[in-house]
Amino acid sequence: MNSVLQNDLNDIALILDHAKQQGIDFLNNLENIPTSSKNTINPKRDLNELGLGSEKALQEFNERLAPLLVSSPGPRYWGFVTGGSTPASIVGDWLASVYDQNTQSVTSQGGNSALIEFETINLLLQLLELPDSFLGGFVTGATMSNFTCLGVARQWFGKQFGKDFAKNGISETINILTATPHSSSIKSLSMLGIGSQNYSVVKTIEGNREALDIVDLEEKIKALNGIPFVLISSAGTVNTADFDDFEAISKLKEKHNFWWHIDGAFGGFAAVSEKYKHFVKGWEGADSITIDCHKWLNVPYESAFYLIKKEHVNLQIETFQNSNAPYLGNPLENFNYLNVLPENSRRLRALPAWFSLVAYGKEGFCDIIEKSTLLALHFGNALIEDGCFELLAPIRLNNVCFTLKGEENQDKVGEFLTKLNDTGKVFMTPTVYQNRKGIRASFVNWRTTEEDIKIALEEMKAVFEDLDL
């Protein structure tokens, strides 16, 4: 064995203890770590000939690389709908690295860690009050979850014409209907060969809404003259957390032949709360659902899951099966995740979610979700009272979409947000809503409190005054 590697093996307990302490120091100091950073490095570092060993590598990391990192798991990082990492989820994530499983099989001599994933999906179905008619699995994020679901939808569409698109390629125009899709769904259409511009836009409901208009949807369905289609609907749009009417869509599904996909990356968690579960009423009728865990479930990044009705498992296997690997056996008799989703190599990504669900239960996550929505309302009300800002849309759940008050200040929105983010006290993301420049704040982090809103508002007022608006 290489001598440096041997020394690391001999000192493994000390090395991991130092890494643990560094993690504890970071987490205990999150409120004081900037939410933005302009630090930079020259990435053209030369590779060591002999290697430094873990201890010296950690030292160099702290000196050169750590200053690049921001408090994205912290209480005032309100961009990108980013959750933090709860203690239990960190335990699960660390152990996933330690055990280093390739999570694929449920009946194999080579390891059956996929049973843990099965159990985690079962727990998530209970959390979301969805039936066990769904088959689920973990992927890296909403993009890959949407890709997986829409990949099976593509195969379903081909079957309506007696064709196998997975084997022979797309030979029919795939009809996609959607109103306010997330960019990850559009990206998935591009990767699937359907085309990022090949979808028909359904009108949204009048009155400052992002949800699809059921009347217009029906008209577009009638215009197809019975040709099948794929519907991409929303459980929580990215700007205003708006929801499509799932009960109405369910009734349409009784009359028309289409694949119904729901992108519920963060909004799906509304199902956990008695106050907000009405938003997703009827969503159990969907063929597929996308949900992120690194948002409102507050687990480390790269964690999402897909849900696809079990009745479509053959289509799923046709889409993703490793057909040139006979040693894997019959995919229907010997379940293996590499036959039902894009990845062949998969870490035990379900473990942080499993730890979180077992540690905090339904009540714990209900508390996070309801607290987040109350904080969003509190922030929105404070913006209105301040008089310098205005809401671009009503606050329906956990996203606050706002802008500088007055049309004359539209050209200053970008400058205002840049200067605000530069303070390092709070981080929010820019957006455009109904042709107006805006700012979006997303409340999903379990650590956020009213004190954080107070700090953010003080910074916002100071920046506003400095711009002399």
Protein backbone atom coordinates (compact mmCIF):
# COMPACT_ATOMS: atom_id res chain seq x y z
CA MET A 1 0.00 0.00 0.00
CA ASN A 2 1.14 3.52 -0.74
CA SER A 3 2.80 4.99 2.35
CA VAL A 4 0.69 8.15 2.45
CA LEU A 5 -2.48 6.11 2.11
CA GLN A 6 -1.25 3.71 4.81
CA ASN A 7 -0.62 6.61 7.17
CA ASP A 8 -4.13 7.91 6.54
CA LEU A 9 -5.55 4.49 7.28
CA ASN A 10 -3.60 4.35 10.52
CA ASP A 11 -4.88 7.81 11.51
CA ILE A 12 -8.45 7.42 10.24
CA ALA A 13 -10.05 8.14 13.62
CA LEU A 14 -8.09 11.36 14.08
CA ILE A 15 -8.71 12.49 10.48
CA LEU A 16 -12.46 11.97 10.73
CA ASP A 17 -12.54 13.63 14.13
CA HIS A 18 -10.92 16.75 12.69
CA ALA A 19 -13.39 16.76 9.79
CA LYS A 20 -16.26 16.30 12.25
CA GLN A 21 -15.09 19.21 14.38
CA GLN A 22 -14.77 21.42 11.31
CA GLY A 23 -18.35 20.52 10.35
CA ILE A 24 -19.60 21.32 13.84
CA ASP A 25 -17.81 24.67 13.84
CA PHE A 26 -19.36 25.56 10.47
CA LEU A 27 -22.88 24.59 11.51
CA ASN A 28 -22.65 26.36 14.85
CA ASN A 29 -21.49 29.54 13.13
CA LEU A 30 -23.92 29.56 10.17
CA GLU A 31 -25.57 32.82 11.18
CA ASN A 32 -22.23 34.65 10.93
CA ILE A 33 -21.01 33.09 7.68
CA PRO A 34 -21.79 35.22 4.60
CA THR A 35 -24.61 34.17 2.29
CA SER A 36 -22.59 35.44 -0.70
CA SER A 37 -18.91 35.43 -1.56
CA LYS A 38 -16.71 37.18 -4.11
CA ASN A 39 -13.64 35.20 -3.08
CA THR A 40 -11.83 33.44 -5.88
CA ILE A 41 -8.91 31.09 -6.55
CA ASN A 42 -6.68 30.15 -9.44
CA PRO A 43 -7.98 26.64 -10.22
CA LYS A 44 -4.82 25.73 -12.18
CA ARG A 45 -3.24 24.09 -9.14
CA ASP A 46 -0.45 21.59 -9.88
CA LEU A 47 -1.05 18.01 -8.80
CA ASN A 48 1.26 16.85 -6.00
CA GLU A 49 3.79 14.23 -6.98
CA LEU A 50 3.71 12.34 -3.69
CA GLY A 51 0.49 13.56 -2.09
CA LEU A 52 0.01 15.57 1.10
CA GLY A 53 -2.10 13.17 3.13
CA SER A 54 -5.54 13.99 4.49
CA GLU A 55 -4.45 16.27 7.32
CA LYS A 56 -2.43 18.60 5.10
CA ALA A 57 -5.10 18.43 2.41
CA LEU A 58 -7.64 19.59 4.98
CA GLN A 59 -5.30 22.40 5.96
CA GLU A 60 -4.99 23.54 2.34
CA PHE A 61 -8.76 23.26 1.90
CA ASN A 62 -9.28 25.61 4.83
CA GLU A 63 -6.75 28.10 3.50
CA ARG A 64 -7.71 28.16 -0.19
CA LEU A 65 -11.12 26.61 -0.81
CA ALA A 66 -13.27 27.09 2.29
CA PRO A 67 -13.47 30.89 1.72
CA LEU A 68 -15.37 30.14 -1.51
CA LEU A 69 -18.20 28.49 0.42
CA VAL A 70 -21.27 30.31 1.71
CA SER A 71 -23.92 29.60 4.31
CA SER A 72 -26.37 28.02 1.89
CA PRO A 73 -27.68 25.74 4.68
CA GLY A 74 -28.25 28.82 6.83
CA PRO A 75 -31.41 30.65 7.90
CA ARG A 76 -31.11 33.65 5.55
CA TYR A 77 -30.26 31.85 2.32
CA TRP A 78 -33.59 32.36 0.56
CA GLY A 79 -32.55 31.67 -3.02
CA PHE A 80 -33.29 28.66 -5.24
CA VAL A 81 -35.77 27.15 -2.73
CA THR A 82 -32.84 25.73 -0.76
CA GLY A 83 -33.43 23.79 2.44
CA GLY A 84 -30.80 23.35 5.11
CA SER A 85 -29.54 20.06 6.50
CA THR A 86 -31.10 18.84 9.73
CA PRO A 87 -28.89 16.96 12.21
CA ALA A 88 -30.50 13.63 11.35
CA SER A 89 -30.04 14.17 7.62
CA ILE A 90 -26.34 14.90 8.12
CA VAL A 91 -25.99 11.65 10.05
CA GLY A 92 -27.60 9.81 7.15
CA ASP A 93 -25.44 11.59 4.58
CA TRP A 94 -22.20 10.90 6.44
CA LEU A 95 -23.10 7.24 6.89
CA ALA A 96 -24.06 6.97 3.22
CA SER A 97 -20.48 7.97 2.41
CA VAL A 98 -18.98 5.66 5.01
CA TYR A 99 -20.95 2.59 3.92
CA ASP A 100 -20.42 3.53 0.24
CA GLN A 101 -23.09 1.27 -1.24
CA ASN A 102 -24.06 1.00 -4.91
CA THR A 103 -27.77 0.97 -4.19
CA GLN A 104 -29.46 -1.13 -6.84
CA SER A 105 -30.76 -4.53 -5.80
CA VAL A 106 -33.24 -5.92 -3.28
CA THR A 107 -32.33 -9.63 -3.76
CA SER A 108 -28.62 -9.92 -4.41
CA GLN A 109 -25.59 -11.47 -2.77
CA GLY A 110 -23.74 -8.29 -3.65
CA GLY A 111 -25.82 -6.11 -1.28
CA ASN A 112 -29.49 -5.31 -0.85
CA SER A 113 -29.32 -1.68 0.28
CA ALA A 114 -32.13 -0.87 -2.15
CA LEU A 115 -34.48 -2.27 0.51
CA ILE A 116 -33.61 0.84 2.54
CA GLU A 117 -34.68 2.94 -0.44
CA PHE A 118 -37.91 0.94 -0.73
CA GLU A 119 -38.64 1.61 2.94
CA THR A 120 -37.83 5.31 2.59
CA ILE A 121 -40.20 5.67 -0.36
CA ASN A 122 -42.86 3.92 1.71
CA LEU A 123 -42.31 6.43 4.53
CA LEU A 124 -42.52 9.33 2.08
CA LEU A 125 -45.79 8.03 0.65
CA GLN A 126 -47.17 8.00 4.19
CA LEU A 127 -45.86 11.51 4.86
CA LEU A 128 -47.53 12.80 1.69
CA GLU A 129 -50.64 10.65 2.18
CA LEU A 130 -50.27 9.03 -1.23
CA PRO A 131 -51.30 5.42 -1.99
CA ASP A 132 -48.79 2.61 -2.43
CA SER A 133 -49.84 2.33 -6.06
CA PHE A 134 -46.69 4.35 -6.82
CA LEU A 135 -43.20 2.94 -7.38
CA GLY A 136 -40.49 5.38 -6.37
CA GLY A 137 -36.76 5.89 -6.32
CA PHE A 138 -34.11 8.50 -5.53
CA VAL A 139 -32.29 10.66 -8.06
CA THR A 140 -30.11 13.77 -7.83
CA GLY A 141 -32.74 16.48 -8.09
CA ALA A 142 -35.90 17.71 -9.77
CA THR A 143 -34.25 17.71 -13.19
CA MET A 144 -33.46 14.00 -13.10
CA SER A 145 -36.80 13.21 -11.48
CA ASN A 146 -38.65 15.08 -14.24
CA PHE A 147 -36.39 13.40 -16.80
CA THR A 148 -37.20 9.96 -15.39
CA CYS A 149 -40.95 10.58 -15.29
CA LEU A 150 -41.14 12.21 -18.70
CA GLY A 151 -38.92 9.50 -20.14
CA VAL A 152 -41.56 6.95 -19.20
CA ALA A 153 -44.25 9.31 -20.51
CA ARG A 154 -42.40 9.37 -23.84
CA GLN A 155 -42.48 5.57 -23.97
CA TRP A 156 -46.17 5.57 -23.05
CA PHE A 157 -46.91 7.98 -25.89
CA GLY A 158 -45.17 5.75 -28.40
CA LYS A 159 -47.15 2.73 -27.21
CA GLN A 160 -50.38 4.57 -28.05
CA PHE A 161 -49.26 4.23 -31.68
CA GLY A 162 -47.88 0.71 -31.28
CA LYS A 163 -44.29 1.97 -31.31
CA ASP A 164 -41.27 1.51 -29.07
CA PHE A 165 -39.55 4.88 -28.88
CA ALA A 166 -36.88 3.63 -26.48
CA LYS A 167 -35.63 1.07 -29.02
CA ASN A 168 -36.37 2.76 -32.31
CA GLY A 169 -36.41 6.47 -31.56
CA ILE A 170 -39.19 9.03 -31.65
CA SER A 171 -41.22 8.73 -34.85
CA GLU A 172 -44.36 10.65 -33.86
CA THR A 173 -44.86 14.24 -32.71
CA ILE A 174 -45.28 14.10 -28.95
CA ASN A 175 -47.96 16.51 -27.80
CA ILE A 176 -47.05 18.29 -24.57
CA LEU A 177 -49.45 20.65 -22.79
CA THR A 178 -48.38 22.82 -19.86
CA ALA A 179 -49.00 26.27 -18.38
CA THR A 180 -46.10 27.34 -16.14
CA PRO A 181 -43.48 24.60 -16.32
CA HIS A 182 -40.27 24.72 -14.34
CA SER A 183 -37.10 25.04 -16.41
CA SER A 184 -36.06 21.52 -15.37
CA SER A 185 -39.08 20.08 -17.17
CA ILE A 186 -38.19 22.01 -20.33
CA LYS A 187 -34.59 20.85 -20.01
CA SER A 188 -35.85 17.27 -19.70
CA LEU A 189 -37.83 17.64 -22.93
CA SER A 190 -34.61 18.73 -24.60
CA MET A 191 -32.60 15.79 -23.25
CA LEU A 192 -35.34 13.33 -24.19
CA GLY A 193 -35.25 14.42 -27.82
CA ILE A 194 -38.77 15.85 -27.65
CA GLY A 195 -37.48 19.40 -27.97
CA SER A 196 -37.38 22.25 -25.48
CA GLN A 197 -39.75 24.33 -27.61
CA ASN A 198 -42.13 21.57 -28.62
CA TYR A 199 -44.92 22.15 -26.17
CA SER A 200 -48.20 24.02 -26.24
CA VAL A 201 -48.80 26.65 -23.58
CA VAL A 202 -52.11 26.48 -21.74
CA LYS A 203 -53.45 29.83 -20.57
CA THR A 204 -53.25 30.62 -16.89
CA ILE A 205 -56.20 31.60 -14.73
CA GLU A 206 -56.96 35.31 -14.82
CA GLY A 207 -56.31 37.35 -11.71
CA ASN A 208 -52.54 37.14 -11.06
CA ARG A 209 -52.33 33.36 -11.23
CA GLU A 210 -49.79 30.87 -12.60
CA ALA A 211 -52.13 27.86 -12.48
CA LEU A 212 -53.48 26.50 -15.74
CA ASP A 213 -56.93 27.49 -16.94
CA ILE A 214 -59.04 24.33 -17.09
CA VAL A 215 -61.34 25.77 -19.78
CA ASP A 216 -58.41 26.54 -22.07
CA LEU A 217 -56.90 23.12 -21.32
CA GLU A 218 -60.14 21.45 -22.42
CA GLU A 219 -60.20 23.50 -25.62
CA LYS A 220 -56.64 22.44 -26.44
CA ILE A 221 -57.54 18.81 -25.71
CA LYS A 222 -60.53 19.01 -28.07
CA ALA A 223 -58.29 20.50 -30.77
CA LEU A 224 -56.16 17.33 -30.62
CA ASN A 225 -59.19 15.31 -31.82
CA GLY A 226 -58.50 12.33 -29.59
CA ILE A 227 -54.72 12.22 -30.14
CA PRO A 228 -52.97 11.32 -26.86
CA PHE A 229 -50.83 13.88 -25.08
CA VAL A 230 -48.66 14.51 -22.02
CA LEU A 231 -49.75 17.07 -19.42
CA ILE A 232 -47.10 18.69 -17.23
CA SER A 233 -48.81 20.32 -14.25
CA SER A 234 -47.54 22.17 -11.20
CA ALA A 235 -47.72 21.66 -7.46
CA GLY A 236 -46.06 24.90 -6.49
CA THR A 237 -44.85 27.14 -9.32
CA VAL A 238 -41.39 28.57 -8.91
CA ASN A 239 -42.35 32.24 -8.55
CA THR A 240 -45.60 32.22 -6.60
CA ALA A 241 -46.09 28.62 -5.40
CA ASP A 242 -49.33 28.31 -7.36
CA PHE A 243 -51.09 24.98 -7.83
CA ASP A 244 -53.04 23.57 -10.73
CA ASP A 245 -56.51 22.22 -10.02
CA PHE A 246 -55.81 18.50 -9.61
CA GLU A 247 -59.41 17.55 -8.96
CA ALA A 248 -60.45 19.11 -12.26
CA ILE A 249 -57.56 17.41 -14.07
CA SER A 250 -58.59 14.08 -12.53
CA LYS A 251 -62.06 14.47 -14.07
CA LEU A 252 -60.50 15.24 -17.45
CA LYS A 253 -58.41 12.09 -17.16
CA GLU A 254 -61.62 10.06 -16.93
CA LYS A 255 -62.62 11.34 -20.37
CA HIS A 256 -59.34 11.74 -22.24
CA ASN A 257 -56.22 9.67 -22.92
CA PHE A 258 -53.14 11.42 -21.55
CA TRP A 259 -50.13 10.98 -19.29
CA TRP A 260 -50.43 13.25 -16.27
CA HIS A 261 -47.19 14.42 -14.70
CA ILE A 262 -46.98 16.69 -11.65
CA ASP A 263 -43.88 18.71 -10.83
CA GLY A 264 -44.19 19.08 -7.06
CA ALA A 265 -40.51 19.71 -6.32
CA PHE A 266 -41.27 21.70 -3.18
CA GLY A 267 -45.02 22.31 -3.28
CA GLY A 268 -45.84 18.62 -2.92
CA PHE A 269 -44.99 18.94 0.77
CA ALA A 270 -48.15 20.99 1.23
CA ALA A 271 -49.77 17.56 1.65
CA VAL A 272 -48.12 17.25 5.07
CA SER A 273 -50.14 20.11 6.58
CA GLU A 274 -53.87 20.06 7.28
CA LYS A 275 -53.85 23.78 6.47
CA TYR A 276 -52.45 23.37 2.98
CA LYS A 277 -53.19 19.80 1.86
CA HIS A 278 -56.21 21.05 -0.11
CA PHE A 279 -53.73 22.39 -2.67
CA VAL A 280 -52.86 18.84 -3.75
CA LYS A 281 -56.29 17.26 -3.44
CA GLY A 282 -56.70 14.78 -6.29
CA TRP A 283 -53.00 14.48 -7.11
CA GLU A 284 -53.03 10.74 -6.39
CA GLY A 285 -54.56 10.33 -9.86
CA ALA A 286 -51.35 11.41 -11.58
CA ASP A 287 -49.20 8.96 -13.54
CA SER A 288 -45.98 10.47 -12.20
CA ILE A 289 -44.83 12.99 -9.61
CA THR A 290 -41.53 14.80 -9.00
CA ILE A 291 -40.50 15.86 -5.49
CA ASP A 292 -37.23 17.25 -4.10
CA CYS A 293 -35.90 16.26 -0.70
CA HIS A 294 -33.14 18.90 -0.58
CA LYS A 295 -35.82 21.54 -0.46
CA TRP A 296 -38.52 21.25 2.21
CA LEU A 297 -37.37 17.91 3.61
CA ASN A 298 -34.13 19.71 4.54
CA VAL A 299 -31.62 17.02 3.61
CA PRO A 300 -28.20 17.68 1.97
CA TYR A 301 -28.13 18.56 -1.70
CA GLU A 302 -28.54 16.00 -4.50
CA SER A 303 -31.68 14.35 -3.21
CA ALA A 304 -35.00 14.02 -4.99
CA PHE A 305 -37.36 11.18 -5.79
CA TYR A 306 -39.75 10.25 -8.54
CA LEU A 307 -43.08 8.50 -8.14
CA ILE A 308 -44.53 6.56 -11.07
CA LYS A 309 -47.64 4.41 -10.97
CA LYS A 310 -46.76 0.72 -10.64
CA GLU A 311 -49.03 -0.06 -13.58
CA HIS A 312 -46.42 1.60 -15.80
CA VAL A 313 -43.48 -0.50 -14.59
CA ASN A 314 -43.12 -2.29 -17.94
CA LEU A 315 -42.85 1.04 -19.74
CA GLN A 316 -40.30 2.16 -17.16
CA ILE A 317 -38.19 -0.94 -17.71
CA GLU A 318 -38.44 -0.57 -21.49
CA THR A 319 -37.14 2.99 -21.11
CA PHE A 320 -34.21 2.39 -18.76
CA GLN A 321 -33.36 -1.34 -18.82
CA ASN A 322 -29.72 -2.34 -19.20
CA SER A 323 -30.66 -4.66 -22.05
CA ASN A 324 -27.10 -5.73 -22.81
CA ALA A 325 -26.40 -6.98 -19.28
CA PRO A 326 -27.80 -10.54 -19.09
CA TYR A 327 -26.09 -11.18 -15.74
CA LEU A 328 -28.64 -8.87 -14.15
CA GLY A 329 -31.44 -11.35 -14.80
CA ASN A 330 -35.10 -10.76 -15.60
CA PRO A 331 -35.90 -7.17 -14.50
CA LEU A 332 -39.45 -8.09 -13.56
CA GLU A 333 -38.37 -11.03 -11.38
CA ASN A 334 -35.20 -9.44 -9.95
CA PHE A 335 -35.82 -5.78 -9.19
CA ASN A 336 -32.82 -3.54 -9.76
CA TYR A 337 -32.94 0.24 -9.81
CA LEU A 338 -30.61 0.44 -12.81
CA ASN A 339 -33.47 -0.98 -14.88
CA VAL A 340 -35.98 1.71 -13.89
CA LEU A 341 -34.01 4.97 -13.83
CA PRO A 342 -31.10 6.62 -15.67
CA GLU A 343 -28.19 5.88 -13.33
CA ASN A 344 -26.18 2.67 -13.21
CA SER A 345 -24.09 3.82 -10.26
CA ARG A 346 -25.99 5.16 -7.26
CA ARG A 347 -24.96 6.02 -3.72
CA LEU A 348 -27.35 5.31 -0.84
CA ARG A 349 -29.07 8.64 -1.43
CA ALA A 350 -32.19 7.57 0.46
CA LEU A 351 -30.39 7.33 3.82
CA PRO A 352 -30.46 11.05 4.79
CA ALA A 353 -34.19 11.09 4.06
CA TRP A 354 -34.72 7.87 6.04
CA PHE A 355 -32.94 9.31 9.08
CA SER A 356 -34.93 12.54 8.81
CA LEU A 357 -38.30 10.82 8.52
CA VAL A 358 -37.60 8.45 11.40
CA ALA A 359 -36.06 11.17 13.58
CA TYR A 360 -38.71 13.87 13.19
CA GLY A 361 -41.85 12.12 12.00
CA LYS A 362 -44.84 13.73 10.36
CA GLU A 363 -45.31 16.26 13.15
CA GLY A 364 -41.75 17.51 12.79
CA PHE A 365 -42.10 18.18 9.09
CA CYS A 366 -45.57 19.64 9.49
CA ASP A 367 -44.02 22.12 11.91
CA ILE A 368 -41.26 23.06 9.43
CA ILE A 369 -43.77 23.56 6.61
CA GLU A 370 -46.28 25.58 8.60
CA LYS A 371 -43.55 27.70 10.19
CA SER A 372 -42.07 28.42 6.76
CA THR A 373 -45.41 29.59 5.39
CA LEU A 374 -46.01 31.83 8.40
CA LEU A 375 -42.57 33.37 7.94
CA ALA A 376 -43.32 34.00 4.27
CA LEU A 377 -46.51 35.83 5.24
CA HIS A 378 -44.66 37.78 7.93
CA PHE A 379 -41.98 38.85 5.43
CA GLY A 380 -44.57 39.80 2.82
CA ASN A 381 -46.56 41.90 5.29
CA ALA A 382 -43.38 43.62 6.44
CA LEU A 383 -42.52 44.50 2.83
CA ILE A 384 -45.94 46.09 2.32
CA GLU A 385 -45.73 48.04 5.59
CA ASP A 386 -42.27 49.32 4.71
CA GLY A 387 -43.62 51.16 1.67
CA CYS A 388 -40.49 50.74 -0.47
CA PHE A 389 -41.56 47.40 -1.91
CA GLU A 390 -44.62 45.77 -3.43
CA LEU A 391 -45.73 42.19 -3.86
CA LEU A 392 -45.98 40.94 -7.43
CA ALA A 393 -48.35 38.15 -6.43
CA PRO A 394 -50.28 36.93 -3.39
CA ILE A 395 -48.37 34.70 -0.96
CA ARG A 396 -49.97 31.28 -1.34
CA LEU A 397 -47.44 29.12 0.45
CA ASN A 398 -43.74 29.76 1.04
CA ASN A 399 -42.50 31.93 -1.85
CA VAL A 400 -42.55 35.72 -1.71
CA CYS A 401 -42.35 37.36 -5.13
CA PHE A 402 -41.84 41.12 -4.87
CA THR A 403 -40.19 44.14 -6.44
CA LEU A 404 -39.22 47.74 -5.75
CA LYS A 405 -42.28 49.93 -5.54
CA GLY A 406 -42.97 52.11 -8.55
CA GLU A 407 -42.50 51.49 -12.26
CA GLU A 408 -39.75 54.12 -12.29
CA ASN A 409 -37.62 51.79 -10.14
CA GLN A 410 -37.83 48.74 -12.42
CA ASP A 411 -34.38 49.45 -13.86
CA LYS A 412 -32.93 49.50 -10.34
CA VAL A 413 -34.18 46.07 -9.24
CA GLY A 414 -31.07 44.24 -10.45
CA GLU A 415 -28.69 46.73 -8.86
CA PHE A 416 -30.64 46.64 -5.61
CA LEU A 417 -30.51 42.83 -5.40
CA THR A 418 -26.82 42.68 -6.30
CA LYS A 419 -25.93 45.15 -3.57
CA LEU A 420 -28.22 43.37 -1.10
CA ASN A 421 -26.67 39.98 -1.80
CA ASP A 422 -23.19 41.54 -1.57
CA THR A 423 -23.86 42.35 2.09
CA GLY A 424 -23.64 38.63 2.81
CA LYS A 425 -26.50 38.94 5.30
CA VAL A 426 -29.23 37.49 3.09
CA PHE A 427 -29.41 35.89 -0.33
CA MET A 428 -32.36 36.03 -2.73
CA THR A 429 -32.73 35.36 -6.44
CA PRO A 430 -33.90 37.57 -9.32
CA THR A 431 -36.95 36.73 -11.39
CA VAL A 432 -39.28 38.13 -14.00
CA TYR A 433 -42.99 37.91 -13.28
CA GLN A 434 -45.61 39.06 -15.75
CA ASN A 435 -42.95 41.08 -17.58
CA ARG A 436 -41.81 42.86 -14.44
CA LYS A 437 -38.39 42.48 -12.85
CA GLY A 438 -38.69 41.02 -9.40
CA ILE A 439 -37.04 39.25 -6.49
CA ARG A 440 -37.96 35.90 -5.01
CA ALA A 441 -37.50 34.79 -1.43
CA SER A 442 -38.17 31.14 -0.60
CA PHE A 443 -38.80 30.01 2.95
CA VAL A 444 -37.95 26.34 3.42
CA ASN A 445 -35.07 26.27 5.89
CA TRP A 446 -35.79 24.75 9.31
CA ARG A 447 -33.49 27.28 11.03
CA THR A 448 -35.15 30.49 9.81
CA THR A 449 -36.81 32.68 12.45
CA GLU A 450 -38.50 36.09 12.67
CA GLU A 451 -35.17 37.48 13.83
CA ASP A 452 -33.68 36.53 10.46
CA ILE A 453 -36.45 38.44 8.70
CA LYS A 454 -35.69 41.46 10.89
CA ILE A 455 -32.00 41.29 9.95
CA ALA A 456 -32.83 40.97 6.25
CA LEU A 457 -35.26 43.91 6.32
CA GLU A 458 -32.70 46.14 8.00
CA GLU A 459 -30.20 45.35 5.24
CA MET A 460 -32.84 45.91 2.57
CA LYS A 461 -33.73 49.34 3.95
CA ALA A 462 -30.05 50.34 4.13
CA VAL A 463 -29.39 49.28 0.54
CA PHE A 464 -32.56 51.04 -0.63
CA GLU A 465 -31.45 54.29 1.00
CA ASP A 466 -27.94 53.99 -0.44
CA LEU A 467 -29.39 53.71 -3.96
CA ASP A 468 -31.25 56.97 -3.33
CA LEU A 469 -34.47 55.69 -4.83
